[in-house]
């Protein structure tokens, strides 16, 4: 009970002197609070369109489904395949390169940019997570967050259930074993696995 009053004290003005909206702070990669109405509307639209995409795919309406998916994503390369369901924050910050195959249940929290290269293979249940939160208790309680971009190079294979953490880059031709948690950059042309993921050997 002793901490109750402190827990409910007035929130500091974290953005004093900063005229930007929370969406502008978010897009700049700075701390923000996720209460922006424009961002909320974009998120709702993405969720609705991705449900339409799932239903169109189940109905065999491949042309319509691809058209719907392109309305959500920042980029969908020629010949890229994304099996539904797909879960995003906004979709507009997710780019998928040509001929890449994405299996079902990709979660791509694209508060910051997520770039997936060409000719990649993503197993089921992969998570690409750009959002991060303060370690300090008070600003985290006050709902501050930020995001760091994720990049996946060309011809990368992410096994099923791989989790890629904020700010991570994975180099061309590398393979990340199923269930790995990637907390730091992985260079090109290696095999990595484990939690946290580490390089096991060259390709």
N, C-alpha and C. Protein backbone atom coordinates (compact mmCIF):
# COMPACT_ATOMS: atom_id res chain seq x y z
N UNK A 1 0.82 -1.21 0.00
CA UNK A 1 0.00 0.00 0.00
C UNK A 1 0.85 1.26 0.00
N UNK A 2 2.08 1.14 0.53
CA UNK A 2 2.90 2.33 0.66
C UNK A 2 3.23 2.99 -0.66
N UNK A 3 3.25 2.21 -1.78
CA UNK A 3 3.59 2.80 -3.07
C UNK A 3 2.41 3.30 -3.85
N UNK A 4 1.19 3.16 -3.30
CA UNK A 4 0.00 3.51 -4.06
C UNK A 4 -0.04 4.96 -4.49
N UNK A 5 0.26 5.87 -3.59
CA UNK A 5 0.20 7.30 -3.92
C UNK A 5 1.22 7.64 -5.00
N UNK A 6 2.40 7.06 -4.89
CA UNK A 6 3.43 7.35 -5.89
C UNK A 6 3.01 6.82 -7.26
N UNK A 7 2.31 5.67 -7.26
CA UNK A 7 1.90 5.08 -8.53
C UNK A 7 0.87 5.95 -9.25
N UNK A 8 0.13 6.75 -8.51
CA UNK A 8 -0.94 7.53 -9.12
C UNK A 8 -0.63 9.03 -9.20
N UNK A 9 0.59 9.40 -8.94
CA UNK A 9 0.92 10.82 -9.02
C UNK A 9 0.86 11.28 -10.47
N UNK A 10 0.78 12.56 -10.66
CA UNK A 10 0.62 13.13 -12.00
C UNK A 10 1.79 12.76 -12.89
N UNK A 11 1.48 12.42 -14.14
CA UNK A 11 2.52 12.03 -15.08
C UNK A 11 3.35 13.24 -15.48
N UNK A 12 4.69 13.10 -15.49
CA UNK A 12 5.53 14.22 -15.93
C UNK A 12 5.24 14.58 -17.39
N UNK A 13 5.56 15.79 -17.77
CA UNK A 13 5.43 16.21 -19.16
C UNK A 13 6.71 15.81 -19.89
N UNK A 14 6.70 14.61 -20.44
CA UNK A 14 7.89 14.07 -21.08
C UNK A 14 8.24 14.82 -22.37
N UNK A 15 7.28 15.54 -22.92
CA UNK A 15 7.48 16.16 -24.23
C UNK A 15 7.44 17.68 -24.15
N UNK A 16 7.80 18.24 -23.01
CA UNK A 16 7.83 19.70 -22.87
C UNK A 16 8.76 20.30 -23.91
N UNK A 17 8.26 21.31 -24.63
CA UNK A 17 9.05 21.97 -25.65
C UNK A 17 9.11 21.24 -26.98
N UNK A 18 8.44 20.11 -27.10
CA UNK A 18 8.42 19.33 -28.35
C UNK A 18 7.03 19.46 -28.97
N UNK A 19 6.89 20.22 -30.07
CA UNK A 19 5.57 20.47 -30.63
C UNK A 19 5.03 19.31 -31.47
N UNK A 20 5.81 18.26 -31.67
CA UNK A 20 5.39 17.18 -32.56
C UNK A 20 4.24 16.36 -31.94
N UNK A 21 3.47 15.75 -32.83
CA UNK A 21 2.46 14.79 -32.38
C UNK A 21 3.15 13.48 -31.99
N UNK A 22 2.41 12.64 -31.28
CA UNK A 22 2.98 11.34 -30.94
C UNK A 22 3.27 10.51 -32.19
N UNK A 23 2.46 10.65 -33.21
CA UNK A 23 2.75 9.93 -34.46
C UNK A 23 4.05 10.42 -35.07
N UNK A 24 4.28 11.72 -35.06
CA UNK A 24 5.53 12.26 -35.60
C UNK A 24 6.73 11.76 -34.80
N UNK A 25 6.57 11.69 -33.49
CA UNK A 25 7.66 11.16 -32.66
C UNK A 25 7.89 9.68 -32.98
N UNK A 26 6.82 8.94 -33.16
CA UNK A 26 6.92 7.53 -33.48
C UNK A 26 7.69 7.32 -34.78
N UNK A 27 7.33 8.05 -35.81
CA UNK A 27 7.97 7.89 -37.12
C UNK A 27 9.42 8.32 -37.10
N UNK A 28 9.78 9.20 -36.16
CA UNK A 28 11.17 9.64 -36.03
C UNK A 28 12.00 8.67 -35.19
N UNK A 29 11.36 7.65 -34.61
CA UNK A 29 12.08 6.71 -33.78
C UNK A 29 12.32 7.18 -32.36
N UNK A 30 11.60 8.23 -31.94
CA UNK A 30 11.76 8.77 -30.59
C UNK A 30 10.69 8.20 -29.66
N UNK A 31 10.86 8.43 -28.37
CA UNK A 31 9.84 8.03 -27.42
C UNK A 31 8.51 8.72 -27.73
N UNK A 32 7.43 7.99 -27.56
CA UNK A 32 6.10 8.54 -27.82
C UNK A 32 5.10 7.74 -26.99
N UNK A 33 3.86 8.20 -26.98
CA UNK A 33 2.76 7.48 -26.35
C UNK A 33 1.76 7.11 -27.45
N UNK A 34 1.33 5.87 -27.44
CA UNK A 34 0.52 5.35 -28.55
C UNK A 34 -0.95 5.73 -28.38
N UNK A 35 -1.22 7.03 -28.50
CA UNK A 35 -2.60 7.49 -28.39
C UNK A 35 -3.01 8.35 -29.58
N UNK A 36 -2.27 8.23 -30.69
CA UNK A 36 -2.52 9.08 -31.85
C UNK A 36 -3.70 8.53 -32.66
N UNK A 37 -4.68 9.37 -32.94
CA UNK A 37 -5.88 8.92 -33.62
C UNK A 37 -5.60 8.49 -35.05
N UNK A 38 -4.68 9.18 -35.74
CA UNK A 38 -4.35 8.78 -37.11
C UNK A 38 -3.72 7.39 -37.14
N UNK A 39 -2.80 7.15 -36.21
CA UNK A 39 -2.18 5.83 -36.15
C UNK A 39 -3.21 4.75 -35.84
N UNK A 40 -4.13 5.06 -34.93
CA UNK A 40 -5.17 4.09 -34.58
C UNK A 40 -6.05 3.77 -35.80
N UNK A 41 -6.35 4.77 -36.59
CA UNK A 41 -7.17 4.55 -37.79
C UNK A 41 -6.43 3.69 -38.81
N UNK A 42 -5.13 3.93 -38.98
CA UNK A 42 -4.32 3.13 -39.90
C UNK A 42 -4.27 1.68 -39.43
N UNK A 43 -4.13 1.48 -38.12
CA UNK A 43 -4.08 0.12 -37.57
C UNK A 43 -5.41 -0.61 -37.80
N UNK A 44 -6.53 0.07 -37.59
CA UNK A 44 -7.83 -0.55 -37.81
C UNK A 44 -8.01 -0.93 -39.27
N UNK A 45 -7.64 -0.01 -40.16
CA UNK A 45 -7.77 -0.28 -41.60
C UNK A 45 -6.94 -1.50 -41.98
N UNK A 46 -5.71 -1.58 -41.48
CA UNK A 46 -4.85 -2.72 -41.80
C UNK A 46 -5.47 -4.02 -41.33
N UNK A 47 -6.00 -4.04 -40.10
CA UNK A 47 -6.61 -5.25 -39.57
C UNK A 47 -7.81 -5.68 -40.41
N UNK A 48 -8.62 -4.72 -40.82
CA UNK A 48 -9.79 -5.04 -41.63
C UNK A 48 -9.37 -5.58 -43.00
N UNK A 49 -8.41 -4.95 -43.64
CA UNK A 49 -7.97 -5.40 -44.95
C UNK A 49 -7.29 -6.76 -44.89
N UNK A 50 -6.55 -7.03 -43.83
CA UNK A 50 -5.89 -8.33 -43.73
C UNK A 50 -6.89 -9.44 -43.46
N UNK A 51 -7.98 -9.14 -42.80
CA UNK A 51 -9.04 -10.14 -42.66
C UNK A 51 -9.70 -10.39 -44.02
N UNK A 52 -9.90 -9.33 -44.80
CA UNK A 52 -10.42 -9.50 -46.16
C UNK A 52 -9.45 -10.33 -46.99
N UNK A 53 -8.16 -10.05 -46.86
CA UNK A 53 -7.13 -10.80 -47.58
C UNK A 53 -7.20 -12.29 -47.23
N UNK A 54 -7.35 -12.59 -45.96
CA UNK A 54 -7.44 -14.00 -45.52
C UNK A 54 -8.64 -14.69 -46.16
N UNK A 55 -9.78 -14.03 -46.13
CA UNK A 55 -10.99 -14.63 -46.68
C UNK A 55 -10.89 -14.78 -48.20
N UNK A 56 -10.33 -13.79 -48.88
CA UNK A 56 -10.15 -13.89 -50.33
C UNK A 56 -9.21 -15.02 -50.70
N UNK A 57 -8.15 -15.21 -49.90
CA UNK A 57 -7.22 -16.30 -50.16
C UNK A 57 -7.92 -17.65 -49.97
N UNK A 58 -8.69 -17.79 -48.90
CA UNK A 58 -9.43 -19.03 -48.67
C UNK A 58 -10.41 -19.32 -49.80
N UNK A 59 -10.96 -18.27 -50.40
CA UNK A 59 -11.93 -18.43 -51.49
C UNK A 59 -11.26 -18.66 -52.84
N UNK A 60 -9.93 -18.68 -52.85
CA UNK A 60 -9.22 -18.87 -54.12
C UNK A 60 -9.20 -17.65 -55.01
N UNK A 61 -9.49 -16.48 -54.45
CA UNK A 61 -9.51 -15.25 -55.24
C UNK A 61 -8.12 -14.60 -55.19
N UNK A 62 -7.18 -15.26 -55.82
CA UNK A 62 -5.78 -14.86 -55.67
C UNK A 62 -5.50 -13.46 -56.17
N UNK A 63 -6.08 -13.08 -57.30
CA UNK A 63 -5.85 -11.75 -57.83
C UNK A 63 -6.38 -10.66 -56.91
N UNK A 64 -7.61 -10.85 -56.43
CA UNK A 64 -8.18 -9.88 -55.50
C UNK A 64 -7.40 -9.85 -54.19
N UNK A 65 -6.97 -11.02 -53.73
CA UNK A 65 -6.24 -11.09 -52.48
C UNK A 65 -4.92 -10.31 -52.57
N UNK A 66 -4.21 -10.50 -53.67
CA UNK A 66 -2.94 -9.78 -53.82
C UNK A 66 -3.17 -8.27 -53.88
N UNK A 67 -4.22 -7.87 -54.59
CA UNK A 67 -4.54 -6.44 -54.66
C UNK A 67 -4.83 -5.88 -53.27
N UNK A 68 -5.56 -6.65 -52.45
CA UNK A 68 -5.86 -6.21 -51.09
C UNK A 68 -4.59 -6.09 -50.26
N UNK A 69 -3.69 -7.09 -50.40
CA UNK A 69 -2.46 -7.06 -49.63
C UNK A 69 -1.59 -5.86 -49.99
N UNK A 70 -1.56 -5.51 -51.26
CA UNK A 70 -0.75 -4.35 -51.67
C UNK A 70 -1.31 -3.04 -51.11
N UNK A 71 -2.59 -3.04 -50.75
CA UNK A 71 -3.17 -1.83 -50.14
C UNK A 71 -2.72 -1.66 -48.69
N UNK A 72 -2.23 -2.75 -48.10
CA UNK A 72 -1.80 -2.71 -46.70
C UNK A 72 -0.30 -2.44 -46.59
N UNK A 73 0.48 -3.14 -47.38
CA UNK A 73 1.93 -3.13 -47.19
C UNK A 73 2.59 -1.92 -47.86
N UNK A 74 3.75 -1.55 -47.32
CA UNK A 74 4.53 -0.50 -47.96
C UNK A 74 5.07 -0.94 -49.30
N UNK A 75 5.39 -2.23 -49.42
CA UNK A 75 5.88 -2.78 -50.70
C UNK A 75 5.68 -4.28 -50.69
N UNK A 76 5.22 -4.83 -51.81
CA UNK A 76 5.11 -6.26 -52.01
C UNK A 76 5.75 -6.58 -53.35
N UNK A 77 6.93 -7.22 -53.30
CA UNK A 77 7.69 -7.46 -54.51
C UNK A 77 7.02 -8.47 -55.43
N UNK A 78 7.42 -8.42 -56.69
CA UNK A 78 6.87 -9.33 -57.70
C UNK A 78 7.15 -10.77 -57.31
N UNK A 79 6.11 -11.59 -57.36
CA UNK A 79 6.26 -13.00 -57.06
C UNK A 79 6.34 -13.34 -55.59
N UNK A 80 6.26 -12.35 -54.71
CA UNK A 80 6.27 -12.63 -53.27
C UNK A 80 4.95 -13.28 -52.86
N UNK A 81 5.04 -14.23 -51.93
CA UNK A 81 3.87 -14.95 -51.45
C UNK A 81 3.79 -14.80 -49.93
N UNK A 82 2.62 -14.42 -49.44
CA UNK A 82 2.40 -14.29 -48.00
C UNK A 82 1.17 -15.11 -47.65
N UNK A 83 1.38 -16.18 -46.91
CA UNK A 83 0.24 -17.00 -46.50
C UNK A 83 -0.44 -16.37 -45.29
N UNK A 84 -1.76 -16.22 -45.34
CA UNK A 84 -2.45 -15.67 -44.18
C UNK A 84 -2.57 -16.72 -43.08
N UNK A 85 -2.85 -16.29 -41.83
CA UNK A 85 -3.04 -14.89 -41.46
C UNK A 85 -1.72 -14.15 -41.27
N UNK A 86 -1.77 -12.86 -41.52
CA UNK A 86 -0.65 -11.94 -41.31
C UNK A 86 -1.11 -10.89 -40.32
N UNK A 87 -0.25 -10.60 -39.35
CA UNK A 87 -0.58 -9.61 -38.32
C UNK A 87 0.45 -8.49 -38.34
N UNK A 88 -0.02 -7.25 -38.40
CA UNK A 88 0.86 -6.08 -38.42
C UNK A 88 0.31 -5.03 -37.46
N UNK A 89 1.16 -4.05 -37.14
CA UNK A 89 0.65 -2.87 -36.46
C UNK A 89 0.00 -1.94 -37.48
N UNK A 90 0.73 -1.61 -38.53
CA UNK A 90 0.24 -0.64 -39.52
C UNK A 90 0.32 -1.17 -40.95
N UNK A 91 1.30 -1.98 -41.25
CA UNK A 91 1.45 -2.51 -42.61
C UNK A 91 2.23 -1.60 -43.52
N UNK A 92 2.04 -0.29 -43.39
CA UNK A 92 2.68 0.67 -44.30
C UNK A 92 4.20 0.68 -44.15
N UNK A 93 4.71 0.21 -43.02
CA UNK A 93 6.16 0.21 -42.80
C UNK A 93 6.80 -1.15 -43.04
N UNK A 94 6.06 -2.07 -43.64
CA UNK A 94 6.55 -3.41 -43.94
C UNK A 94 6.78 -3.55 -45.44
N UNK A 95 8.01 -3.92 -45.80
CA UNK A 95 8.37 -4.11 -47.20
C UNK A 95 8.91 -5.51 -47.41
N UNK A 96 8.34 -6.20 -48.40
CA UNK A 96 8.69 -7.59 -48.68
C UNK A 96 9.21 -7.67 -50.10
N UNK A 97 10.41 -8.22 -50.27
CA UNK A 97 11.06 -8.24 -51.57
C UNK A 97 10.52 -9.31 -52.51
N UNK A 98 10.94 -9.21 -53.75
CA UNK A 98 10.48 -10.11 -54.80
C UNK A 98 10.81 -11.57 -54.49
N UNK A 99 9.88 -12.42 -54.80
CA UNK A 99 10.03 -13.88 -54.73
C UNK A 99 10.23 -14.40 -53.30
N UNK A 100 9.97 -13.59 -52.33
CA UNK A 100 10.06 -14.04 -50.93
C UNK A 100 8.80 -14.81 -50.57
N UNK A 101 8.98 -15.86 -49.78
CA UNK A 101 7.86 -16.67 -49.30
C UNK A 101 7.71 -16.50 -47.80
N UNK A 102 6.52 -16.11 -47.38
CA UNK A 102 6.22 -15.92 -45.96
C UNK A 102 5.13 -16.90 -45.57
N UNK A 103 5.44 -17.82 -44.67
CA UNK A 103 4.46 -18.79 -44.23
C UNK A 103 3.47 -18.13 -43.26
N UNK A 104 2.50 -18.90 -42.81
CA UNK A 104 1.38 -18.36 -42.04
C UNK A 104 1.83 -17.82 -40.68
N UNK A 105 1.02 -16.93 -40.17
CA UNK A 105 1.17 -16.39 -38.80
C UNK A 105 2.42 -15.54 -38.61
N UNK A 106 2.83 -14.81 -39.65
CA UNK A 106 3.87 -13.79 -39.44
C UNK A 106 3.27 -12.66 -38.61
N UNK A 107 3.98 -12.28 -37.55
CA UNK A 107 3.65 -11.08 -36.78
C UNK A 107 4.75 -10.06 -37.05
N UNK A 108 4.40 -8.99 -37.73
CA UNK A 108 5.37 -7.95 -38.08
C UNK A 108 4.89 -6.64 -37.47
N UNK A 109 5.40 -6.34 -36.27
CA UNK A 109 5.00 -5.11 -35.58
C UNK A 109 5.84 -3.96 -36.13
N UNK A 110 5.28 -3.32 -37.15
CA UNK A 110 6.03 -2.37 -37.96
C UNK A 110 5.82 -0.93 -37.50
N UNK A 111 6.05 -0.69 -36.21
CA UNK A 111 6.06 0.69 -35.72
C UNK A 111 7.21 1.44 -36.39
N UNK A 112 8.35 0.79 -36.51
CA UNK A 112 9.46 1.27 -37.33
C UNK A 112 9.52 0.39 -38.58
N UNK A 113 10.39 0.75 -39.51
CA UNK A 113 10.48 0.04 -40.77
C UNK A 113 10.93 -1.41 -40.57
N UNK A 114 10.27 -2.31 -41.29
CA UNK A 114 10.70 -3.70 -41.40
C UNK A 114 10.92 -3.97 -42.89
N UNK A 115 12.14 -4.33 -43.23
CA UNK A 115 12.49 -4.60 -44.62
C UNK A 115 12.93 -6.05 -44.75
N UNK A 116 12.23 -6.79 -45.59
CA UNK A 116 12.57 -8.19 -45.88
C UNK A 116 13.04 -8.23 -47.33
N UNK A 117 14.21 -8.79 -47.55
CA UNK A 117 14.82 -8.76 -48.88
C UNK A 117 14.17 -9.71 -49.87
N UNK A 118 14.86 -9.91 -50.99
CA UNK A 118 14.37 -10.79 -52.05
C UNK A 118 14.75 -12.24 -51.76
N UNK A 119 13.91 -13.15 -52.27
CA UNK A 119 14.20 -14.59 -52.24
C UNK A 119 14.35 -15.15 -50.84
N UNK A 120 13.68 -14.55 -49.87
CA UNK A 120 13.74 -15.04 -48.49
C UNK A 120 12.70 -16.13 -48.25
N UNK A 121 12.93 -16.90 -47.19
CA UNK A 121 11.99 -17.92 -46.74
C UNK A 121 11.74 -17.66 -45.25
N UNK A 122 10.49 -17.41 -44.89
CA UNK A 122 10.12 -17.21 -43.49
C UNK A 122 9.17 -18.32 -43.08
N UNK A 123 9.56 -19.10 -42.07
CA UNK A 123 8.73 -20.19 -41.60
C UNK A 123 7.52 -19.69 -40.85
N UNK A 124 6.63 -20.60 -40.45
CA UNK A 124 5.42 -20.19 -39.74
C UNK A 124 5.74 -19.63 -38.37
N UNK A 125 4.95 -18.64 -37.98
CA UNK A 125 5.04 -18.10 -36.63
C UNK A 125 6.24 -17.22 -36.36
N UNK A 126 6.87 -16.69 -37.41
CA UNK A 126 7.98 -15.75 -37.21
C UNK A 126 7.44 -14.45 -36.63
N UNK A 127 8.23 -13.82 -35.74
CA UNK A 127 7.87 -12.53 -35.15
C UNK A 127 8.99 -11.52 -35.42
N UNK A 128 8.63 -10.41 -36.05
CA UNK A 128 9.55 -9.31 -36.30
C UNK A 128 9.04 -8.13 -35.48
N UNK A 129 9.76 -7.77 -34.43
CA UNK A 129 9.22 -6.89 -33.40
C UNK A 129 10.06 -5.63 -33.29
N UNK A 130 9.57 -4.52 -33.84
CA UNK A 130 10.33 -3.27 -33.75
C UNK A 130 10.06 -2.47 -32.48
N UNK A 131 8.90 -2.61 -31.79
CA UNK A 131 8.66 -1.76 -30.62
C UNK A 131 9.54 -2.15 -29.43
N UNK A 132 9.87 -1.16 -28.64
CA UNK A 132 10.61 -1.39 -27.40
C UNK A 132 10.10 -0.41 -26.35
N UNK A 133 10.39 -0.70 -25.10
CA UNK A 133 9.88 0.09 -23.98
C UNK A 133 11.01 0.45 -23.02
N UNK A 134 10.88 1.52 -22.27
CA UNK A 134 11.93 1.88 -21.31
C UNK A 134 12.12 0.78 -20.26
N UNK A 135 13.35 0.58 -19.85
CA UNK A 135 13.63 -0.33 -18.74
C UNK A 135 13.21 0.31 -17.42
N UNK A 136 13.34 1.63 -17.32
CA UNK A 136 13.00 2.33 -16.10
C UNK A 136 11.50 2.19 -15.80
N UNK A 137 11.13 1.90 -14.56
CA UNK A 137 9.73 1.60 -14.26
C UNK A 137 8.76 2.75 -14.53
N UNK A 138 9.13 3.98 -14.17
CA UNK A 138 8.16 5.08 -14.24
C UNK A 138 7.75 5.40 -15.69
N UNK A 139 8.69 5.64 -16.60
CA UNK A 139 8.24 5.94 -17.96
C UNK A 139 7.53 4.75 -18.63
N UNK A 140 7.90 3.53 -18.25
CA UNK A 140 7.19 2.38 -18.80
C UNK A 140 5.75 2.35 -18.29
N UNK A 141 5.55 2.65 -16.99
CA UNK A 141 4.21 2.72 -16.44
C UNK A 141 3.41 3.82 -17.11
N UNK A 142 4.09 4.89 -17.52
CA UNK A 142 3.42 6.01 -18.17
C UNK A 142 3.21 5.78 -19.66
N UNK A 143 3.47 4.54 -20.12
CA UNK A 143 3.13 4.08 -21.48
C UNK A 143 4.03 4.65 -22.56
N UNK A 144 5.23 5.08 -22.21
CA UNK A 144 6.17 5.50 -23.25
C UNK A 144 6.72 4.28 -23.98
N UNK A 145 6.95 4.45 -25.25
CA UNK A 145 7.56 3.40 -26.07
C UNK A 145 8.28 4.06 -27.23
N UNK A 146 9.06 3.24 -27.93
CA UNK A 146 9.72 3.69 -29.14
C UNK A 146 9.92 2.46 -30.02
N UNK A 147 10.61 2.61 -31.13
CA UNK A 147 10.81 1.47 -32.02
C UNK A 147 12.12 1.63 -32.77
N UNK A 148 12.70 0.48 -33.16
CA UNK A 148 13.95 0.46 -33.92
C UNK A 148 13.76 -0.46 -35.11
N UNK A 149 14.24 -0.07 -36.29
CA UNK A 149 13.95 -0.84 -37.50
C UNK A 149 14.63 -2.21 -37.53
N UNK A 150 14.04 -3.10 -38.31
CA UNK A 150 14.56 -4.44 -38.54
C UNK A 150 14.81 -4.60 -40.03
N UNK A 151 15.95 -5.20 -40.38
CA UNK A 151 16.24 -5.48 -41.78
C UNK A 151 16.66 -6.93 -41.95
N UNK A 152 16.09 -7.58 -42.94
CA UNK A 152 16.42 -8.96 -43.29
C UNK A 152 16.94 -8.93 -44.72
N UNK A 153 18.17 -9.39 -44.93
CA UNK A 153 18.80 -9.30 -46.25
C UNK A 153 18.18 -10.24 -47.26
N UNK A 154 18.81 -10.33 -48.43
CA UNK A 154 18.34 -11.20 -49.50
C UNK A 154 18.68 -12.66 -49.19
N UNK A 155 17.80 -13.56 -49.63
CA UNK A 155 18.04 -15.00 -49.58
C UNK A 155 18.28 -15.50 -48.15
N UNK A 156 17.57 -14.91 -47.20
CA UNK A 156 17.66 -15.32 -45.79
C UNK A 156 16.55 -16.33 -45.50
N UNK A 157 16.88 -17.33 -44.69
CA UNK A 157 15.89 -18.30 -44.24
C UNK A 157 15.73 -18.16 -42.73
N UNK A 158 14.52 -17.78 -42.29
CA UNK A 158 14.18 -17.73 -40.87
C UNK A 158 13.29 -18.92 -40.57
N UNK A 159 13.76 -19.83 -39.73
CA UNK A 159 12.97 -21.00 -39.39
C UNK A 159 11.73 -20.66 -38.61
N UNK A 160 10.86 -21.63 -38.46
CA UNK A 160 9.60 -21.43 -37.75
C UNK A 160 9.81 -20.91 -36.34
N UNK A 161 9.01 -19.93 -35.97
CA UNK A 161 9.03 -19.42 -34.61
C UNK A 161 10.19 -18.51 -34.27
N UNK A 162 10.99 -18.10 -35.24
CA UNK A 162 12.09 -17.18 -34.96
C UNK A 162 11.53 -15.84 -34.50
N UNK A 163 12.16 -15.26 -33.48
CA UNK A 163 11.81 -13.93 -32.99
C UNK A 163 12.98 -13.00 -33.26
N UNK A 164 12.73 -11.92 -33.96
CA UNK A 164 13.75 -10.92 -34.26
C UNK A 164 13.41 -9.66 -33.45
N UNK A 165 14.33 -9.23 -32.62
CA UNK A 165 14.11 -8.13 -31.68
C UNK A 165 14.39 -6.77 -32.32
N UNK A 166 13.98 -5.68 -31.67
CA UNK A 166 14.13 -4.34 -32.24
C UNK A 166 15.57 -4.00 -32.61
N UNK A 167 15.73 -3.39 -33.78
CA UNK A 167 17.02 -2.87 -34.20
C UNK A 167 17.95 -3.87 -34.82
N UNK A 168 17.50 -5.10 -35.04
CA UNK A 168 18.38 -6.17 -35.52
C UNK A 168 18.43 -6.17 -37.05
N UNK A 169 19.62 -6.46 -37.59
CA UNK A 169 19.80 -6.70 -39.01
C UNK A 169 20.34 -8.10 -39.23
N UNK A 170 19.86 -8.77 -40.28
CA UNK A 170 20.32 -10.11 -40.63
C UNK A 170 20.86 -10.04 -42.05
N UNK A 171 22.11 -10.48 -42.22
CA UNK A 171 22.80 -10.33 -43.49
C UNK A 171 22.36 -11.33 -44.55
N UNK A 172 22.72 -11.03 -45.80
CA UNK A 172 22.34 -11.85 -46.95
C UNK A 172 22.76 -13.31 -46.76
N UNK A 173 21.91 -14.21 -47.24
CA UNK A 173 22.19 -15.65 -47.34
C UNK A 173 22.24 -16.38 -46.00
N UNK A 174 21.99 -15.70 -44.90
CA UNK A 174 22.11 -16.36 -43.60
C UNK A 174 20.86 -17.18 -43.28
N UNK A 175 21.04 -18.15 -42.38
CA UNK A 175 19.98 -19.04 -41.93
C UNK A 175 19.88 -18.92 -40.42
N UNK A 176 18.65 -18.75 -39.93
CA UNK A 176 18.41 -18.68 -38.49
C UNK A 176 17.51 -19.84 -38.11
N UNK A 177 18.00 -20.69 -37.20
CA UNK A 177 17.29 -21.91 -36.85
C UNK A 177 15.97 -21.66 -36.15
N UNK A 178 15.09 -22.63 -36.27
CA UNK A 178 13.74 -22.53 -35.70
C UNK A 178 13.80 -22.22 -34.21
N UNK A 179 12.94 -21.30 -33.78
CA UNK A 179 12.82 -20.96 -32.38
C UNK A 179 13.88 -20.02 -31.84
N UNK A 180 14.80 -19.58 -32.67
CA UNK A 180 15.86 -18.68 -32.20
C UNK A 180 15.30 -17.32 -31.83
N UNK A 181 15.95 -16.68 -30.88
CA UNK A 181 15.62 -15.31 -30.48
C UNK A 181 16.81 -14.43 -30.85
N UNK A 182 16.63 -13.59 -31.86
CA UNK A 182 17.73 -12.82 -32.42
C UNK A 182 17.76 -11.46 -31.75
N UNK A 183 18.73 -11.26 -30.87
CA UNK A 183 18.82 -10.03 -30.08
C UNK A 183 19.88 -9.07 -30.59
N UNK A 184 20.72 -9.53 -31.52
CA UNK A 184 21.76 -8.67 -32.09
C UNK A 184 21.99 -9.06 -33.53
N UNK A 185 22.69 -8.20 -34.27
CA UNK A 185 22.88 -8.41 -35.70
C UNK A 185 23.51 -9.77 -36.00
N UNK A 186 23.06 -10.35 -37.11
CA UNK A 186 23.64 -11.59 -37.63
C UNK A 186 24.32 -11.25 -38.96
N UNK A 187 25.60 -11.58 -39.13
CA UNK A 187 26.28 -11.23 -40.38
C UNK A 187 25.79 -12.07 -41.56
N UNK A 188 26.24 -11.72 -42.73
CA UNK A 188 25.90 -12.48 -43.94
C UNK A 188 26.58 -13.84 -43.95
N UNK A 189 25.94 -14.79 -44.61
CA UNK A 189 26.57 -16.08 -44.95
C UNK A 189 26.92 -16.93 -43.73
N UNK A 190 26.02 -16.95 -42.73
CA UNK A 190 26.25 -17.79 -41.56
C UNK A 190 24.97 -18.52 -41.19
N UNK A 191 25.12 -19.55 -40.35
CA UNK A 191 24.00 -20.22 -39.70
C UNK A 191 24.02 -19.82 -38.23
N UNK A 192 22.87 -19.39 -37.73
CA UNK A 192 22.74 -18.97 -36.33
C UNK A 192 21.56 -19.69 -35.70
N UNK A 193 21.65 -19.92 -34.40
CA UNK A 193 20.56 -20.59 -33.69
C UNK A 193 20.68 -20.30 -32.21
N UNK A 194 19.59 -20.59 -31.47
CA UNK A 194 19.64 -20.51 -30.02
C UNK A 194 18.95 -19.28 -29.46
N UNK A 195 18.96 -19.19 -28.12
CA UNK A 195 18.37 -18.07 -27.39
C UNK A 195 19.33 -17.64 -26.28
N UNK A 196 20.01 -16.50 -26.50
CA UNK A 196 19.97 -15.66 -27.69
C UNK A 196 20.71 -16.31 -28.85
N UNK A 197 20.31 -15.95 -30.08
CA UNK A 197 20.90 -16.55 -31.26
C UNK A 197 22.39 -16.21 -31.34
N UNK A 198 23.17 -17.21 -31.71
CA UNK A 198 24.60 -17.00 -31.93
C UNK A 198 25.01 -17.72 -33.22
N UNK A 199 26.08 -17.27 -33.82
CA UNK A 199 26.57 -17.88 -35.05
C UNK A 199 27.17 -19.24 -34.73
N UNK A 200 26.73 -20.25 -35.47
CA UNK A 200 27.23 -21.61 -35.29
C UNK A 200 28.34 -21.94 -36.28
N UNK A 201 28.13 -21.52 -37.54
CA UNK A 201 29.13 -21.84 -38.57
C UNK A 201 28.84 -21.01 -39.80
N UNK A 202 29.80 -20.95 -40.72
CA UNK A 202 29.52 -20.31 -42.01
C UNK A 202 28.54 -21.16 -42.82
N UNK A 203 27.88 -20.51 -43.76
CA UNK A 203 27.02 -21.27 -44.69
C UNK A 203 27.91 -22.12 -45.57
